[in-house]
Amino acid sequence: MMMPQLLLVGFASAFGMVILYIQLENPSEYIDGTTGLFTTNALSAYVYDKYKFGKRFSIFTAKIHYMTENVDYSMEQFAVMATSHALVNLGPEPAFRIDDESFEKEY
């Protein structure tokens, strides 16, 4: 209002669009960086979508359980990657990493 030559409204709109783009295009929100599987946020959206459109689905859950406490980081990462690869190879349905030790696969 005081300086009409400065287009503050246009700048605010453009800045708002940049923030929305970053939020919508943020791959770390829906894809786990370590395994490449979908995250818990993606699972929530996926289940909501299935429920909303009345589609039937089943979920298989797998959890890694270490038999000893003497597991180092490389062994743990190997187990996580082997589990993620096995779930992906089961079929075309999406696989999700829920937390450090839990995975889910849709059937």
PDB file of N, CA and C in Angstrom:
ATOM      1  N   MET A   1       0.822  -1.193   0.000  1.00  0.00           N
ATOM      2  CA  MET A   1       0.000   0.000   0.000  1.00  0.00           C
ATOM      3  C   MET A   1       0.865   1.254   0.000  1.00  0.00           C
ATOM      4  N   MET A   2       1.951   1.192   0.747  1.00  0.00           N
ATOM      5  CA  MET A   2       2.785   2.384   0.831  1.00  0.00           C
ATOM      6  C   MET A   2       3.712   2.495  -0.370  1.00  0.00           C
ATOM      7  N   MET A   3       4.136   1.371  -0.919  1.00  0.00           N
ATOM      8  CA  MET A   3       5.020   1.360  -2.085  1.00  0.00           C
ATOM      9  C   MET A   3       4.405   0.431  -3.128  1.00  0.00           C
ATOM     10  N   PRO A   4       3.526   0.905  -3.952  1.00  0.00           N
ATOM     11  CA  PRO A   4       2.835   0.044  -4.912  1.00  0.00           C
ATOM     12  C   PRO A   4       3.761  -0.575  -5.965  1.00  0.00           C
ATOM     13  N   GLN A   5       4.955  -0.043  -6.117  1.00  0.00           N
ATOM     14  CA  GLN A   5       5.867  -0.616  -7.099  1.00  0.00           C
ATOM     15  C   GLN A   5       6.420  -1.971  -6.645  1.00  0.00           C
ATOM     16  N   LEU A   6       6.355  -2.279  -5.345  1.00  0.00           N
ATOM     17  CA  LEU A   6       6.795  -3.571  -4.830  1.00  0.00           C
ATOM     18  C   LEU A   6       5.593  -4.517  -4.814  1.00  0.00           C
ATOM     19  N   LEU A   7       5.708  -5.571  -5.557  1.00  0.00           N
ATOM     20  CA  LEU A   7       4.596  -6.503  -5.679  1.00  0.00           C
ATOM     21  C   LEU A   7       4.684  -7.564  -4.589  1.00  0.00           C
ATOM     22  N   LEU A   8       4.307  -7.193  -3.391  1.00  0.00           N
ATOM     23  CA  LEU A   8       4.402  -8.079  -2.244  1.00  0.00           C
ATOM     24  C   LEU A   8       3.431  -9.253  -2.351  1.00  0.00           C
ATOM     25  N   VAL A   9       2.248  -9.011  -2.876  1.00  0.00           N
ATOM     26  CA  VAL A   9       1.258 -10.083  -3.006  1.00  0.00           C
ATOM     27  C   VAL A   9       1.744 -11.132  -3.992  1.00  0.00           C
ATOM     28  N   GLY A  10       2.329 -10.713  -5.102  1.00  0.00           N
ATOM     29  CA  GLY A  10       2.873 -11.656  -6.074  1.00  0.00           C
ATOM     30  C   GLY A  10       4.014 -12.462  -5.490  1.00  0.00           C
ATOM     31  N   PHE A  11       4.864 -11.808  -4.718  1.00  0.00           N
ATOM     32  CA  PHE A  11       5.976 -12.502  -4.075  1.00  0.00           C
ATOM     33  C   PHE A  11       5.460 -13.515  -3.065  1.00  0.00           C
ATOM     34  N   ALA A  12       4.484 -13.141  -2.273  1.00  0.00           N
ATOM     35  CA  ALA A  12       3.923 -14.051  -1.264  1.00  0.00           C
ATOM     36  C   ALA A  12       3.270 -15.246  -1.937  1.00  0.00           C
ATOM     37  N   SER A  13       2.574 -15.028  -3.021  1.00  0.00           N
ATOM     38  CA  SER A  13       1.951 -16.135  -3.756  1.00  0.00           C
ATOM     39  C   SER A  13       3.001 -17.081  -4.324  1.00  0.00           C
ATOM     40  N   ALA A  14       4.038 -16.525  -4.918  1.00  0.00           N
ATOM     41  CA  ALA A  14       5.112 -17.357  -5.472  1.00  0.00           C
ATOM     42  C   ALA A  14       5.829 -18.128  -4.367  1.00  0.00           C
ATOM     43  N   PHE A  15       6.077 -17.497  -3.255  1.00  0.00           N
ATOM     44  CA  PHE A  15       6.734 -18.156  -2.133  1.00  0.00           C
ATOM     45  C   PHE A  15       5.856 -19.281  -1.584  1.00  0.00           C
ATOM     46  N   GLY A  16       4.561 -19.036  -1.482  1.00  0.00           N
ATOM     47  CA  GLY A  16       3.620 -20.074  -1.038  1.00  0.00           C
ATOM     48  C   GLY A  16       3.618 -21.265  -1.980  1.00  0.00           C
ATOM     49  N   MET A  17       3.682 -21.020  -3.282  1.00  0.00           N
ATOM     50  CA  MET A  17       3.724 -22.118  -4.257  1.00  0.00           C
ATOM     51  C   MET A  17       5.013 -22.920  -4.140  1.00  0.00           C
ATOM     52  N   VAL A  18       6.124 -22.246  -3.858  1.00  0.00           N
ATOM     53  CA  VAL A  18       7.393 -22.951  -3.673  1.00  0.00           C
ATOM     54  C   VAL A  18       7.314 -23.862  -2.448  1.00  0.00           C
ATOM     55  N   ILE A  19       6.744 -23.371  -1.376  1.00  0.00           N
ATOM     56  CA  ILE A  19       6.597 -24.190  -0.164  1.00  0.00           C
ATOM     57  C   ILE A  19       5.701 -25.394  -0.445  1.00  0.00           C
ATOM     58  N   LEU A  20       4.586 -25.202  -1.127  1.00  0.00           N
ATOM     59  CA  LEU A  20       3.710 -26.323  -1.474  1.00  0.00           C
ATOM     60  C   LEU A  20       4.419 -27.325  -2.374  1.00  0.00           C
ATOM     61  N   TYR A  21       5.179 -26.842  -3.335  1.00  0.00           N
ATOM     62  CA  TYR A  21       5.925 -27.741  -4.222  1.00  0.00           C
ATOM     63  C   TYR A  21       6.924 -28.580  -3.438  1.00  0.00           C
ATOM     64  N   ILE A  22       7.637 -27.953  -2.515  1.00  0.00           N
ATOM     65  CA  ILE A  22       8.613 -28.685  -1.713  1.00  0.00           C
ATOM     66  C   ILE A  22       7.912 -29.733  -0.860  1.00  0.00           C
ATOM     67  N   GLN A  23       6.780 -29.403  -0.282  1.00  0.00           N
ATOM     68  CA  GLN A  23       6.046 -30.360   0.540  1.00  0.00           C
ATOM     69  C   GLN A  23       5.528 -31.527  -0.285  1.00  0.00           C
ATOM     70  N   LEU A  24       4.979 -31.236  -1.457  1.00  0.00           N
ATOM     71  CA  LEU A  24       4.395 -32.293  -2.283  1.00  0.00           C
ATOM     72  C   LEU A  24       5.443 -33.130  -2.993  1.00  0.00           C
ATOM     73  N   GLU A  25       6.570 -32.547  -3.296  1.00  0.00           N
ATOM     74  CA  GLU A  25       7.609 -33.252  -4.033  1.00  0.00           C
ATOM     75  C   GLU A  25       8.736 -33.755  -3.134  1.00  0.00           C
ATOM     76  N   ASN A  26       8.490 -33.849  -1.840  1.00  0.00           N
ATOM     77  CA  ASN A  26       9.505 -34.306  -0.908  1.00  0.00           C
ATOM     78  C   ASN A  26       9.518 -35.832  -0.890  1.00  0.00           C
ATOM     79  N   PRO A  27      10.468 -36.470  -1.550  1.00  0.00           N
ATOM     80  CA  PRO A  27      10.462 -37.932  -1.617  1.00  0.00           C
ATOM     81  C   PRO A  27      10.753 -38.610  -0.284  1.00  0.00           C
ATOM     82  N   SER A  28      11.437 -37.945   0.628  1.00  0.00           N
ATOM     83  CA  SER A  28      11.764 -38.591   1.897  1.00  0.00           C
ATOM     84  C   SER A  28      10.542 -38.768   2.786  1.00  0.00           C
ATOM     85  N   GLU A  29       9.455 -38.087   2.467  1.00  0.00           N
ATOM     86  CA  GLU A  29       8.240 -38.253   3.255  1.00  0.00           C
ATOM     87  C   GLU A  29       7.548 -39.580   2.944  1.00  0.00           C
ATOM     88  N   TYR A  30       7.669 -40.050   1.716  1.00  0.00           N
ATOM     89  CA  TYR A  30       6.973 -41.271   1.313  1.00  0.00           C
ATOM     90  C   TYR A  30       7.898 -42.408   0.908  1.00  0.00           C
ATOM     91  N   ILE A  31       9.189 -42.164   0.777  1.00  0.00           N
ATOM     92  CA  ILE A  31      10.126 -43.211   0.361  1.00  0.00           C
ATOM     93  C   ILE A  31      11.286 -43.264   1.346  1.00  0.00           C
ATOM     94  N   ASP A  32      11.555 -44.465   1.863  1.00  0.00           N
ATOM     95  CA  ASP A  32      12.655 -44.670   2.793  1.00  0.00           C
ATOM     96  C   ASP A  32      13.975 -44.551   2.038  1.00  0.00           C
ATOM     97  N   GLY A  33      14.880 -43.751   2.550  1.00  0.00           N
ATOM     98  CA  GLY A  33      16.151 -43.516   1.872  1.00  0.00           C
ATOM     99  C   GLY A  33      17.075 -44.719   1.841  1.00  0.00           C
ATOM    100  N   THR A  34      17.001 -45.577   2.816  1.00  0.00           N
ATOM    101  CA  THR A  34      17.896 -46.726   2.898  1.00  0.00           C
ATOM    102  C   THR A  34      17.467 -47.852   1.967  1.00  0.00           C
ATOM    103  N   THR A  35      16.202 -48.218   2.026  1.00  0.00           N
ATOM    104  CA  THR A  35      15.724 -49.396   1.285  1.00  0.00           C
ATOM    105  C   THR A  35      15.033 -49.067  -0.017  1.00  0.00           C
ATOM    106  N   GLY A  36      14.517 -47.858  -0.152  1.00  0.00           N
ATOM    107  CA  GLY A  36      13.753 -47.503  -1.331  1.00  0.00           C
ATOM    108  C   GLY A  36      12.299 -47.936  -1.233  1.00  0.00           C
ATOM    109  N   LEU A  37      11.902 -48.508  -0.092  1.00  0.00           N
ATOM    110  CA  LEU A  37      10.511 -48.896   0.113  1.00  0.00           C
ATOM    111  C   LEU A  37       9.697 -47.682   0.543  1.00  0.00           C
ATOM    112  N   PHE A  38       8.383 -47.815   0.472  1.00  0.00           N
ATOM    113  CA  PHE A  38       7.512 -46.745   0.935  1.00  0.00           C
ATOM    114  C   PHE A  38       7.533 -46.664   2.462  1.00  0.00           C
ATOM    115  N   THR A  39       7.206 -45.494   3.016  1.00  0.00           N
ATOM    116  CA  THR A  39       7.247 -45.263   4.459  1.00  0.00           C
ATOM    117  C   THR A  39       5.861 -45.425   5.077  1.00  0.00           C
ATOM    118  N   THR A  40       5.792 -45.195   6.386  1.00  0.00           N
ATOM    119  CA  THR A  40       4.534 -45.272   7.118  1.00  0.00           C
ATOM    120  C   THR A  40       3.537 -44.239   6.597  1.00  0.00           C
ATOM    121  N   ASN A  41       4.006 -43.060   6.227  1.00  0.00           N
ATOM    122  CA  ASN A  41       3.109 -42.036   5.672  1.00  0.00           C
ATOM    123  C   ASN A  41       2.467 -42.529   4.379  1.00  0.00           C
ATOM    124  N   ALA A  42       3.248 -43.201   3.552  1.00  0.00           N
ATOM    125  CA  ALA A  42       2.704 -43.746   2.310  1.00  0.00           C
ATOM    126  C   ALA A  42       1.715 -44.863   2.598  1.00  0.00           C
ATOM    127  N   LEU A  43       1.981 -45.682   3.613  1.00  0.00           N
ATOM    128  CA  LEU A  43       1.052 -46.747   3.988  1.00  0.00           C
ATOM    129  C   LEU A  43      -0.276 -46.168   4.442  1.00  0.00           C
ATOM    130  N   SER A  44      -0.232 -45.123   5.236  1.00  0.00           N
ATOM    131  CA  SER A  44      -1.472 -44.478   5.691  1.00  0.00           C
ATOM    132  C   SER A  44      -2.284 -43.960   4.511  1.00  0.00           C
ATOM    133  N   ALA A  45      -1.629 -43.287   3.581  1.00  0.00           N
ATOM    134  CA  ALA A  45      -2.319 -42.773   2.396  1.00  0.00           C
ATOM    135  C   ALA A  45      -2.854 -43.907   1.535  1.00  0.00           C
ATOM    136  N   TYR A  46      -2.099 -44.983   1.423  1.00  0.00           N
ATOM    137  CA  TYR A  46      -2.490 -46.132   0.607  1.00  0.00           C
ATOM    138  C   TYR A  46      -3.718 -46.826   1.189  1.00  0.00           C
ATOM    139  N   VAL A  47      -3.696 -47.078   2.493  1.00  0.00           N
ATOM    140  CA  VAL A  47      -4.834 -47.729   3.147  1.00  0.00           C
ATOM    141  C   VAL A  47      -6.066 -46.831   3.088  1.00  0.00           C
ATOM    142  N   TYR A  48      -5.880 -45.544   3.301  1.00  0.00           N
ATOM    143  CA  TYR A  48      -7.002 -44.607   3.212  1.00  0.00           C
ATOM    144  C   TYR A  48      -7.622 -44.627   1.818  1.00  0.00           C
ATOM    145  N   ASP A  49      -6.782 -44.656   0.791  1.00  0.00           N
ATOM    146  CA  ASP A  49      -7.266 -44.692  -0.584  1.00  0.00           C
ATOM    147  C   ASP A  49      -8.047 -45.981  -0.859  1.00  0.00           C
ATOM    148  N   LYS A  50      -7.514 -47.106  -0.414  1.00  0.00           N
ATOM    149  CA  LYS A  50      -8.205 -48.386  -0.602  1.00  0.00           C
ATOM    150  C   LYS A  50      -9.553 -48.382   0.109  1.00  0.00           C
ATOM    151  N   TYR A  51      -9.575 -47.904   1.334  1.00  0.00           N
ATOM    152  CA  TYR A  51     -10.809 -47.863   2.123  1.00  0.00           C
ATOM    153  C   TYR A  51     -11.818 -46.897   1.514  1.00  0.00           C
ATOM    154  N   LYS A  52     -11.347 -45.754   1.058  1.00  0.00           N
ATOM    155  CA  LYS A  52     -12.219 -44.721   0.496  1.00  0.00           C
ATOM    156  C   LYS A  52     -12.959 -45.215  -0.746  1.00  0.00           C
ATOM    157  N   PHE A  53     -12.262 -45.984  -1.598  1.00  0.00           N
ATOM    158  CA  PHE A  53     -12.873 -46.465  -2.829  1.00  0.00           C
ATOM    159  C   PHE A  53     -13.413 -47.882  -2.711  1.00  0.00           C
ATOM    160  N   GLY A  54     -13.444 -48.430  -1.499  1.00  0.00           N
ATOM    161  CA  GLY A  54     -14.039 -49.730  -1.262  1.00  0.00           C
ATOM    162  C   GLY A  54     -13.295 -50.896  -1.893  1.00  0.00           C
ATOM    163  N   LYS A  55     -12.011 -50.764  -2.071  1.00  0.00           N
ATOM    164  CA  LYS A  55     -11.217 -51.840  -2.666  1.00  0.00           C
ATOM    165  C   LYS A  55     -10.726 -52.782  -1.578  1.00  0.00           C
ATOM    166  N   ARG A  56     -10.719 -54.064  -1.877  1.00  0.00           N
ATOM    167  CA  ARG A  56     -10.248 -55.058  -0.930  1.00  0.00           C
ATOM    168  C   ARG A  56      -8.725 -55.170  -1.000  1.00  0.00           C
ATOM    169  N   PHE A  57      -8.115 -55.433   0.145  1.00  0.00           N
ATOM    170  CA  PHE A  57      -6.670 -55.623   0.188  1.00  0.00           C
ATOM    171  C   PHE A  57      -6.315 -56.426   1.429  1.00  0.00           C
ATOM    172  N   SER A  58      -5.149 -57.011   1.399  1.00  0.00           N
ATOM    173  CA  SER A  58      -4.598 -57.743   2.537  1.00  0.00           C
ATOM    174  C   SER A  58      -3.189 -57.225   2.787  1.00  0.00           C
ATOM    175  N   ILE A  59      -2.754 -57.329   4.038  1.00  0.00           N
ATOM    176  CA  ILE A  59      -1.424 -56.860   4.386  1.00  0.00           C
ATOM    177  C   ILE A  59      -0.680 -57.967   5.119  1.00  0.00           C
ATOM    178  N   PHE A  60       0.553 -58.186   4.708  1.00  0.00           N
ATOM    179  CA  PHE A  60       1.472 -59.123   5.350  1.00  0.00           C
ATOM    180  C   PHE A  60       2.518 -58.303   6.081  1.00  0.00           C
ATOM    181  N   THR A  61       2.770 -58.633   7.353  1.00  0.00           N
ATOM    182  CA  THR A  61       3.752 -57.908   8.147  1.00  0.00           C
ATOM    183  C   THR A  61       4.916 -58.821   8.501  1.00  0.00           C
ATOM    184  N   ALA A  62       6.129 -58.322   8.330  1.00  0.00           N
ATOM    185  CA  ALA A  62       7.339 -59.065   8.695  1.00  0.00           C
ATOM    186  C   ALA A  62       8.169 -58.200   9.630  1.00  0.00           C
ATOM    187  N   LYS A  63       8.738 -58.834  10.642  1.00  0.00           N
ATOM    188  CA  LYS A  63       9.595 -58.111  11.586  1.00  0.00           C
ATOM    189  C   LYS A  63      10.904 -58.862  11.723  1.00  0.00           C
ATOM    190  N   ILE A  64      11.997 -58.122  11.668  1.00  0.00           N
ATOM    191  CA  ILE A  64      13.318 -58.725  11.844  1.00  0.00           C
ATOM    192  C   ILE A  64      13.560 -58.876  13.343  1.00  0.00           C
ATOM    193  N   HIS A  65      13.896 -60.091  13.739  1.00  0.00           N
ATOM    194  CA  HIS A  65      14.220 -60.342  15.140  1.00  0.00           C
ATOM    195  C   HIS A  65      15.623 -60.931  15.203  1.00  0.00           C
ATOM    196  N   TYR A  66      16.492 -60.256  15.901  1.00  0.00           N
ATOM    197  CA  TYR A  66      17.879 -60.711  16.003  1.00  0.00           C
ATOM    198  C   TYR A  66      17.993 -61.700  17.165  1.00  0.00           C
ATOM    199  N   MET A  67      18.623 -62.833  16.907  1.00  0.00           N
ATOM    200  CA  MET A  67      18.737 -63.882  17.905  1.00  0.00           C
ATOM    201  C   MET A  67      19.791 -63.559  18.968  1.00  0.00           C
ATOM    202  N   THR A  68      20.627 -62.621  18.717  1.00  0.00           N
ATOM    203  CA  THR A  68      21.679 -62.253  19.657  1.00  0.00           C
ATOM    204  C   THR A  68      21.761 -60.737  19.736  1.00  0.00           C
ATOM    205  N   GLU A  69      22.302 -60.250  20.797  1.00  0.00           N
ATOM    206  CA  GLU A  69      22.475 -58.802  20.941  1.00  0.00           C
ATOM    207  C   GLU A  69      23.791 -58.329  20.333  1.00  0.00           C
ATOM    208  N   ASN A  70      24.605 -59.257  19.874  1.00  0.00           N
ATOM    209  CA  ASN A  70      25.909 -58.917  19.291  1.00  0.00           C
ATOM    210  C   ASN A  70      25.801 -58.695  17.786  1.00  0.00           C
ATOM    211  N   VAL A  71      24.861 -57.887  17.376  1.00  0.00           N
ATOM    212  CA  VAL A  71      24.663 -57.594  15.959  1.00  0.00           C
ATOM    213  C   VAL A  71      25.264 -56.227  15.670  1.00  0.00           C
ATOM    214  N   ASP A  72      26.208 -56.189  14.748  1.00  0.00           N
ATOM    215  CA  ASP A  72      26.794 -54.894  14.410  1.00  0.00           C
ATOM    216  C   ASP A  72      25.977 -54.225  13.293  1.00  0.00           C
ATOM    217  N   TYR A  73      26.354 -53.021  12.983  1.00  0.00           N
ATOM    218  CA  TYR A  73      25.586 -52.218  12.026  1.00  0.00           C
ATOM    219  C   TYR A  73      25.548 -52.857  10.636  1.00  0.00           C
ATOM    220  N   SER A  74      26.658 -53.415  10.172  1.00  0.00           N
ATOM    221  CA  SER A  74      26.681 -53.996   8.828  1.00  0.00           C
ATOM    222  C   SER A  74      25.779 -55.225   8.733  1.00  0.00           C
ATOM    223  N   MET A  75      25.751 -56.038   9.785  1.00  0.00           N
ATOM    224  CA  MET A  75      24.850 -57.199   9.791  1.00  0.00           C
ATOM    225  C   MET A  75      23.389 -56.755   9.809  1.00  0.00           C
ATOM    226  N   GLU A  76      23.116 -55.718  10.566  1.00  0.00           N
ATOM    227  CA  GLU A  76      21.753 -55.186  10.651  1.00  0.00           C
ATOM    228  C   GLU A  76      21.316 -54.631   9.296  1.00  0.00           C
ATOM    229  N   GLN A  77      22.180 -53.874   8.646  1.00  0.00           N
ATOM    230  CA  GLN A  77      21.858 -53.324   7.331  1.00  0.00           C
ATOM    231  C   GLN A  77      21.670 -54.433   6.295  1.00  0.00           C
ATOM    232  N   PHE A  78      22.477 -55.471   6.369  1.00  0.00           N
ATOM    233  CA  PHE A  78      22.327 -56.599   5.461  1.00  0.00           C
ATOM    234  C   PHE A  78      20.960 -57.252   5.647  1.00  0.00           C
ATOM    235  N   ALA A  79      20.548 -57.452   6.895  1.00  0.00           N
ATOM    236  CA  ALA A  79      19.238 -58.060   7.168  1.00  0.00           C
ATOM    237  C   ALA A  79      18.103 -57.174   6.656  1.00  0.00           C
ATOM    238  N   VAL A  80      18.224 -55.882   6.852  1.00  0.00           N
ATOM    239  CA  VAL A  80      17.183 -54.942   6.380  1.00  0.00           C
ATOM    240  C   VAL A  80      17.101 -54.962   4.862  1.00  0.00           C
ATOM    241  N   MET A  81      18.237 -54.909   4.185  1.00  0.00           N
ATOM    242  CA  MET A  81      18.234 -54.904   2.720  1.00  0.00           C
ATOM    243  C   MET A  81      17.758 -56.236   2.152  1.00  0.00           C
ATOM    244  N   ALA A  82      18.158 -57.345   2.772  1.00  0.00           N
ATOM    245  CA  ALA A  82      17.708 -58.660   2.295  1.00  0.00           C
ATOM    246  C   ALA A  82      16.204 -58.797   2.443  1.00  0.00           C
ATOM    247  N   THR A  83      15.665 -58.311   3.546  1.00  0.00           N
ATOM    248  CA  THR A  83      14.213 -58.357   3.753  1.00  0.00           C
ATOM    249  C   THR A  83      13.492 -57.481   2.746  1.00  0.00           C
ATOM    250  N   SER A  84      14.006 -56.294   2.499  1.00  0.00           N
ATOM    251  CA  SER A  84      13.343 -55.398   1.544  1.00  0.00           C
ATOM    252  C   SER A  84      13.376 -55.976   0.131  1.00  0.00           C
ATOM    253  N   HIS A  85      14.494 -56.565  -0.270  1.00  0.00           N
ATOM    254  CA  HIS A  85      14.581 -57.179  -1.601  1.00  0.00           C
ATOM    255  C   HIS A  85      13.635 -58.364  -1.718  1.00  0.00           C
ATOM    256  N   ALA A  86      13.524 -59.173  -0.669  1.00  0.00           N
ATOM    257  CA  ALA A  86      12.621 -60.323  -0.692  1.00  0.00           C
ATOM    258  C   ALA A  86      11.168 -59.872  -0.834  1.00  0.00           C
ATOM    259  N   LEU A  87      10.793 -58.812  -0.136  1.00  0.00           N
ATOM    260  CA  LEU A  87       9.412 -58.321  -0.239  1.00  0.00           C
ATOM    261  C   LEU A  87       9.113 -57.740  -1.616  1.00  0.00           C
ATOM    262  N   VAL A  88      10.056 -57.034  -2.180  1.00  0.00           N
ATOM    263  CA  VAL A  88       9.856 -56.466  -3.518  1.00  0.00           C
ATOM    264  C   VAL A  88       9.724 -57.577  -4.553  1.00  0.00           C
ATOM    265  N   ASN A  89      10.495 -58.647  -4.396  1.00  0.00           N
ATOM    266  CA  ASN A  89      10.461 -59.752  -5.354  1.00  0.00           C
ATOM    267  C   ASN A  89       9.216 -60.619  -5.244  1.00  0.00           C
ATOM    268  N   LEU A  90       8.393 -60.425  -4.209  1.00  0.00           N
ATOM    269  CA  LEU A  90       7.168 -61.211  -4.066  1.00  0.00           C
ATOM    270  C   LEU A  90       6.119 -60.869  -5.119  1.00  0.00           C
ATOM    271  N   GLY A  91       6.159 -59.675  -5.653  1.00  0.00           N
ATOM    272  CA  GLY A  91       5.173 -59.305  -6.663  1.00  0.00           C
ATOM    273  C   GLY A  91       5.120 -57.812  -6.876  1.00  0.00           C
ATOM    274  N   PRO A  92       4.190 -57.384  -7.716  1.00  0.00           N
ATOM    275  CA  PRO A  92       4.128 -55.965  -8.082  1.00  0.00           C
ATOM    276  C   PRO A  92       3.476 -55.064  -7.031  1.00  0.00           C
ATOM    277  N   GLU A  93       2.900 -55.631  -5.998  1.00  0.00           N
ATOM    278  CA  GLU A  93       2.252 -54.821  -4.977  1.00  0.00           C
ATOM    279  C   GLU A  93       3.292 -54.042  -4.188  1.00  0.00           C
ATOM    280  N   PRO A  94       2.907 -52.899  -3.632  1.00  0.00           N
ATOM    281  CA  PRO A  94       3.882 -52.072  -2.919  1.00  0.00           C
ATOM    282  C   PRO A  94       4.316 -52.699  -1.592  1.00  0.00           C
ATOM    283  N   ALA A  95       5.536 -52.426  -1.190  1.00  0.00           N
ATOM    284  CA  ALA A  95       6.077 -52.856   0.099  1.00  0.00           C
ATOM    285  C   ALA A  95       6.401 -51.602   0.906  1.00  0.00           C
ATOM    286  N   PHE A  96       6.231 -51.684   2.218  1.00  0.00           N
ATOM    287  CA  PHE A  96       6.399 -50.533   3.094  1.00  0.00           C
ATOM    288  C   PHE A  96       7.362 -50.879   4.221  1.00  0.00           C
ATOM    289  N   ARG A  97       8.203 -49.922   4.601  1.00  0.00           N
ATOM    290  CA  ARG A  97       9.057 -50.062   5.779  1.00  0.00           C
ATOM    291  C   ARG A  97       8.420 -49.243   6.886  1.00  0.00           C
ATOM    292  N   ILE A  98       7.989 -49.922   7.928  1.00  0.00           N
ATOM    293  CA  ILE A  98       7.250 -49.264   8.998  1.00  0.00           C
ATOM    294  C   ILE A  98       8.189 -48.605  10.002  1.00  0.00           C
ATOM    295  N   ASP A  99       9.169 -49.344  10.472  1.00  0.00           N
ATOM    296  CA  ASP A  99      10.196 -48.782  11.345  1.00  0.00           C
ATOM    297  C   ASP A  99      11.500 -49.510  11.054  1.00  0.00           C
ATOM    298  N   ASP A 100      12.441 -49.450  11.952  1.00  0.00           N
ATOM    299  CA  ASP A 100      13.753 -50.039  11.679  1.00  0.00           C
ATOM    300  C   ASP A 100      13.707 -51.542  11.464  1.00  0.00           C
ATOM    301  N   GLU A 101      12.716 -52.226  12.061  1.00  0.00           N
ATOM    302  CA  GLU A 101      12.682 -53.682  11.995  1.00  0.00           C
ATOM    303  C   GLU A 101      11.410 -54.245  11.391  1.00  0.00           C
ATOM    304  N   SER A 102      10.423 -53.423  11.055  1.00  0.00           N
ATOM    305  CA  SER A 102       9.137 -53.924  10.574  1.00  0.00           C
ATOM    306  C   SER A 102       8.872 -53.518   9.145  1.00  0.00           C
ATOM    307  N   PHE A 103       8.307 -54.456   8.389  1.00  0.00           N
ATOM    308  CA  PHE A 103       7.983 -54.253   6.972  1.00  0.00           C
ATOM    309  C   PHE A 103       6.562 -54.749   6.739  1.00  0.00           C
ATOM    310  N   GLU A 104       5.882 -54.186   5.744  1.00  0.00           N
ATOM    311  CA  GLU A 104       4.562 -54.652   5.361  1.00  0.00           C
ATOM    312  C   GLU A 104       4.498 -54.776   3.848  1.00  0.00           C
ATOM    313  N   LYS A 105       3.734 -55.749   3.394  1.00  0.00           N
ATOM    314  CA  LYS A 105       3.553 -56.000   1.959  1.00  0.00           C
ATOM    315  C   LYS A 105       2.077 -56.148   1.707  1.00  0.00           C
ATOM    316  N   GLU A 106       1.566 -55.470   0.698  1.00  0.00           N
ATOM    317  CA  GLU A 106       0.159 -55.540   0.335  1.00  0.00           C
ATOM    318  C   GLU A 106      -0.051 -56.690  -0.632  1.00  0.00           C
ATOM    319  N   TYR A 107      -1.141 -57.425  -0.474  1.00  0.00           N
ATOM    320  CA  TYR A 107      -1.507 -58.519  -1.373  1.00  0.00           C
ATOM    321  C   TYR A 107      -2.888 -58.304  -1.920  1.00  0.00           C
TER     322      TYR A 107
END
